Protein backbone atom coordinates (compact mmCIF):
# COMPACT_ATOMS: atom_id res chain seq x y z
CA UNK A 1 -4.71 -9.22 24.11
CA UNK A 2 -1.44 -7.72 25.33
CA UNK A 3 0.95 -8.48 28.15
CA UNK A 4 3.03 -6.01 30.12
CA UNK A 5 6.79 -6.27 29.66
CA UNK A 6 9.14 -4.11 31.75
CA UNK A 7 12.61 -3.48 30.33
CA UNK A 8 15.20 -2.32 32.85
CA UNK A 9 18.51 -0.72 31.82
CA UNK A 10 21.81 -2.20 32.98
CA UNK A 11 23.00 1.05 34.53
CA UNK A 12 22.65 -0.25 38.09
CA UNK A 13 25.03 -3.12 37.26
CA UNK A 14 27.57 -0.72 35.79
CA UNK A 15 27.20 1.51 38.84
CA UNK A 16 27.82 -1.44 41.17
CA UNK A 17 31.01 -2.37 39.29
CA UNK A 18 32.17 1.25 39.06
CA UNK A 19 32.06 1.67 42.85
CA UNK A 20 34.30 -1.41 43.24
CA UNK A 21 36.72 -0.03 40.66
CA UNK A 22 36.94 3.41 42.25
CA UNK A 23 37.33 1.92 45.74
CA UNK A 24 40.13 -0.32 44.55
CA UNK A 25 41.92 2.64 42.96
CA UNK A 26 41.66 5.14 45.79
CA UNK A 27 40.85 3.25 49.00
CA UNK A 28 42.36 0.25 50.80
CA UNK A 29 40.91 -3.12 49.91
CA UNK A 30 42.76 -5.80 51.89
CA UNK A 31 40.76 -6.31 55.07
CA UNK A 32 37.36 -7.93 55.59
CA UNK A 33 36.00 -4.59 56.81
CA UNK A 34 37.11 -2.97 53.52
CA UNK A 35 35.25 -5.59 51.49
CA UNK A 36 32.12 -5.14 53.59
CA UNK A 37 32.34 -1.37 53.11
CA UNK A 38 32.76 -1.52 49.34
CA UNK A 39 29.94 -4.03 49.03
CA UNK A 40 27.56 -1.84 51.06
CA UNK A 41 28.54 1.24 49.05
CA UNK A 42 28.13 -0.59 45.74
CA UNK A 43 24.74 -1.94 46.73
CA UNK A 44 23.52 1.48 47.86
CA UNK A 45 24.63 3.19 44.64
CA UNK A 46 23.17 0.39 42.54
CA UNK A 47 19.76 0.67 44.22
CA UNK A 48 19.83 4.44 43.86
CA UNK A 49 20.59 4.23 40.13
CA UNK A 50 17.89 1.61 39.67
CA UNK A 51 15.36 3.92 41.31
CA UNK A 52 16.45 6.90 39.23
CA UNK A 53 16.31 4.87 35.99
CA UNK A 54 13.47 2.36 36.49
CA UNK A 55 13.23 1.41 32.83
CA UNK A 56 10.28 1.43 30.47
CA UNK A 57 7.08 -0.58 30.30
CA UNK A 58 5.89 -1.98 26.98
CA UNK A 59 2.67 -3.76 26.10
CA UNK A 60 3.39 -6.59 23.72
CA UNK A 61 0.61 -8.38 21.79
CA UNK A 62 0.15 -12.00 22.83
CA UNK A 63 0.08 -14.21 19.72
CA UNK A 64 -3.27 -15.92 19.36
CA UNK A 65 -3.40 -19.67 19.10
CA UNK A 66 -4.29 -20.73 15.54
CA UNK A 67 -7.90 -21.83 15.23
CA UNK A 68 -8.44 -25.58 15.32
CA UNK A 69 -11.79 -27.34 15.12
CA UNK A 70 -10.29 -30.80 14.89
CA UNK A 71 -11.48 -31.07 11.29
CA UNK A 72 -8.75 -30.23 8.71
CA UNK A 73 -11.33 -29.24 6.08
CA UNK A 74 -13.04 -26.76 8.40
CA UNK A 75 -9.71 -25.33 9.55
CA UNK A 76 -8.52 -24.82 5.97
CA UNK A 77 -11.80 -23.16 5.03
CA UNK A 78 -11.49 -20.78 7.98
CA UNK A 79 -7.90 -19.91 7.00
CA UNK A 80 -8.94 -19.24 3.41
CA UNK A 81 -11.76 -17.00 4.59
CA UNK A 82 -9.47 -15.06 6.94
CA UNK A 83 -6.89 -14.56 4.18
CA UNK A 84 -9.54 -13.28 1.78
CA UNK A 85 -10.95 -10.86 4.37
CA UNK A 86 -7.46 -9.55 5.15
CA UNK A 87 -6.82 -8.93 1.44
CA UNK A 88 -10.19 -7.18 1.05
CA UNK A 89 -9.29 -4.87 3.93
CA UNK A 90 -6.04 -4.01 2.14
CA UNK A 91 -7.85 -3.26 -1.11
CA UNK A 92 -10.49 -1.21 0.72
CA UNK A 93 -7.81 1.29 1.70
CA UNK A 94 -7.21 2.06 -1.99
CA UNK A 95 -10.86 2.88 -2.70
CA UNK A 96 -11.72 6.58 -2.62
CA UNK A 97 -15.32 6.39 -3.85
CA UNK A 98 -17.51 6.58 -0.69
CA UNK A 99 -20.31 4.49 -2.21
CA UNK A 100 -18.02 1.67 -3.27
CA UNK A 101 -16.18 1.90 0.04
CA UNK A 102 -19.47 1.42 1.88
CA UNK A 103 -20.26 -1.65 -0.24
CA UNK A 104 -16.87 -3.21 0.46
CA UNK A 105 -17.15 -2.44 4.18
CA UNK A 106 -20.48 -4.29 4.29
CA UNK A 107 -19.05 -7.27 2.42
CA UNK A 108 -16.08 -7.42 4.80
CA UNK A 109 -18.30 -7.18 7.89
CA UNK A 110 -20.70 -9.91 6.73
CA UNK A 111 -17.84 -12.16 5.57
CA UNK A 112 -16.17 -11.82 8.95
CA UNK A 113 -19.41 -12.81 10.70
CA UNK A 114 -19.83 -15.84 8.44
CA UNK A 115 -16.28 -17.04 9.14
CA UNK A 116 -16.71 -16.53 12.90
CA UNK A 117 -19.99 -18.44 12.84
CA UNK A 118 -18.18 -21.33 11.19
CA UNK A 119 -15.49 -21.19 13.88
CA UNK A 120 -18.11 -21.25 16.64
CA UNK A 121 -20.17 -23.98 14.98
CA UNK A 122 -18.25 -26.18 12.48
CA UNK A 123 -21.59 -27.83 11.64
CA UNK A 124 -22.09 -24.86 9.29
CA UNK A 125 -19.33 -26.26 7.08
CA UNK A 126 -21.62 -27.50 4.31
CA UNK A 127 -23.68 -24.33 4.39
CA UNK A 128 -20.72 -21.98 3.88
CA UNK A 129 -18.29 -24.12 1.88
CA UNK A 130 -19.50 -22.88 -1.51
CA UNK A 131 -19.64 -19.33 -0.23
CA UNK A 132 -16.04 -19.35 1.01
CA UNK A 133 -14.70 -21.41 -1.90
CA UNK A 134 -16.39 -19.50 -4.72
CA UNK A 135 -18.27 -16.31 -3.86
CA UNK A 136 -15.60 -14.84 -1.59
CA UNK A 137 -12.68 -15.50 -4.01
CA UNK A 138 -14.77 -14.18 -6.93
CA UNK A 139 -15.56 -10.99 -5.01
CA UNK A 140 -11.88 -10.63 -4.19
CA UNK A 141 -10.99 -11.05 -7.88
CA UNK A 142 -13.46 -8.31 -8.83
CA UNK A 143 -11.96 -5.98 -6.23
CA UNK A 144 -8.46 -6.64 -7.57
CA UNK A 145 -9.68 -5.77 -11.07
CA UNK A 146 -11.42 -2.64 -9.78
CA UNK A 147 -8.22 -1.61 -7.99
CA UNK A 148 -6.07 -2.09 -11.12
CA UNK A 149 -8.52 -0.18 -13.32
CA UNK A 150 -8.77 2.70 -10.88
CA UNK A 151 -4.99 2.93 -10.62
CA UNK A 152 -4.66 3.69 -14.35
CA UNK A 153 -5.86 7.26 -13.88
CA UNK A 154 -7.62 7.19 -17.26
CA UNK A 155 -11.38 7.65 -17.74
CA UNK A 156 -11.51 5.52 -20.89
CA UNK A 157 -14.63 3.75 -22.10
CA UNK A 158 -13.44 0.27 -21.15
CA UNK A 159 -12.01 1.24 -17.79
CA UNK A 160 -15.00 3.37 -16.75
CA UNK A 161 -17.49 0.80 -18.02
CA UNK A 162 -15.68 -2.05 -16.31
CA UNK A 163 -15.57 -0.23 -12.99
CA UNK A 164 -19.27 0.61 -13.22
CA UNK A 165 -20.09 -3.06 -13.89
CA UNK A 166 -18.12 -4.08 -10.81
CA UNK A 167 -19.89 -1.46 -8.71
CA UNK A 168 -23.25 -2.87 -9.82
CA UNK A 169 -22.06 -6.40 -9.08
CA UNK A 170 -20.99 -5.35 -5.58
CA UNK A 171 -24.56 -4.27 -4.83
CA UNK A 172 -25.69 -7.75 -5.82
CA UNK A 173 -22.94 -9.36 -3.73
CA UNK A 174 -23.90 -7.38 -0.61
CA UNK A 175 -27.46 -8.73 -0.82
CA UNK A 176 -26.19 -12.28 -1.46
CA UNK A 177 -23.78 -12.14 1.48
CA UNK A 178 -26.53 -10.93 3.81
CA UNK A 179 -28.81 -13.79 2.70
CA UNK A 180 -25.98 -16.27 3.27
CA UNK A 181 -25.50 -15.02 6.83
CA UNK A 182 -29.23 -15.12 7.49
CA UNK A 183 -29.42 -18.70 6.18
CA UNK A 184 -26.96 -19.83 8.85
CA UNK A 185 -29.56 -19.02 11.49
CA UNK A 186 -32.45 -20.89 9.85
CA UNK A 187 -32.02 -23.96 12.06
CA UNK A 188 -31.51 -21.84 15.19
CA UNK A 189 -34.67 -19.87 14.41
CA UNK A 190 -36.57 -23.15 14.09
CA UNK A 191 -35.11 -24.40 17.37
CA UNK A 192 -36.15 -21.17 19.10
CA UNK A 193 -39.68 -21.49 17.75
CA UNK A 194 -39.88 -25.11 18.94
CA UNK A 195 -38.59 -24.23 22.40
CA UNK A 196 -41.12 -21.42 22.74
CA UNK A 197 -43.96 -23.76 21.69
CA UNK A 198 -42.88 -26.34 24.29
CA UNK A 199 -42.55 -23.65 26.95
CA UNK A 200 -46.01 -22.34 26.13
CA UNK A 201 -47.53 -25.82 26.46
CA UNK A 202 -45.87 -26.37 29.84
CA UNK A 203 -47.07 -23.00 31.11
CA UNK A 204 -50.62 -23.84 30.03
CA UNK A 205 -50.47 -27.19 31.81
CA UNK A 206 -49.25 -25.50 34.97
CA UNK A 207 -51.97 -22.88 34.73
CA UNK A 208 -49.42 -20.13 34.31
CA UNK A 209 -50.51 -19.07 30.84
CA UNK A 210 -53.98 -18.04 29.82
CA UNK A 211 -55.49 -20.03 26.98
CA UNK A 212 -57.10 -17.84 24.35
């Protein structure tokens, strides 16, 4: 979210003062009428300059309030997850292989959804704690290693083999991350099923649903 900030130059103030200076140098300034005249002239010139130079409008990002669930453990877990995702996005920019880039994009997208689900429902804390404390940091470590190996510019046996192992592991991690996200909705899916069953029973009782 951004807010509009308008910055006006100080030229109209300088113009106002300049008119007073020029009047004092070349015109009389000892009667009340003289003061009224110089004030009117200064104000007119100042308004004219302000219209000619209205300033510029900038849109400044509004800092977001840090997330707070009221539970320090949940808040710390969210911060750790956000830091890991930010670092993965940085590393993703270094990856030129389209296949690996696609894998990392999927991991980032699913990780982001998992963290946001925790923010929306802190009750998921137990379900995602191991994921955010172990799987996400381990994935990040693998990406760091992949980045360092790729930066060597050498297709040696160890470097090439190591990078291929990480690429294979990323496939496995994508599937694991997707299962983790799906698991967060197990209880909601059960709740939906229960609600539909109750609704069906009520509709039958009211004669609004045909019984097979």
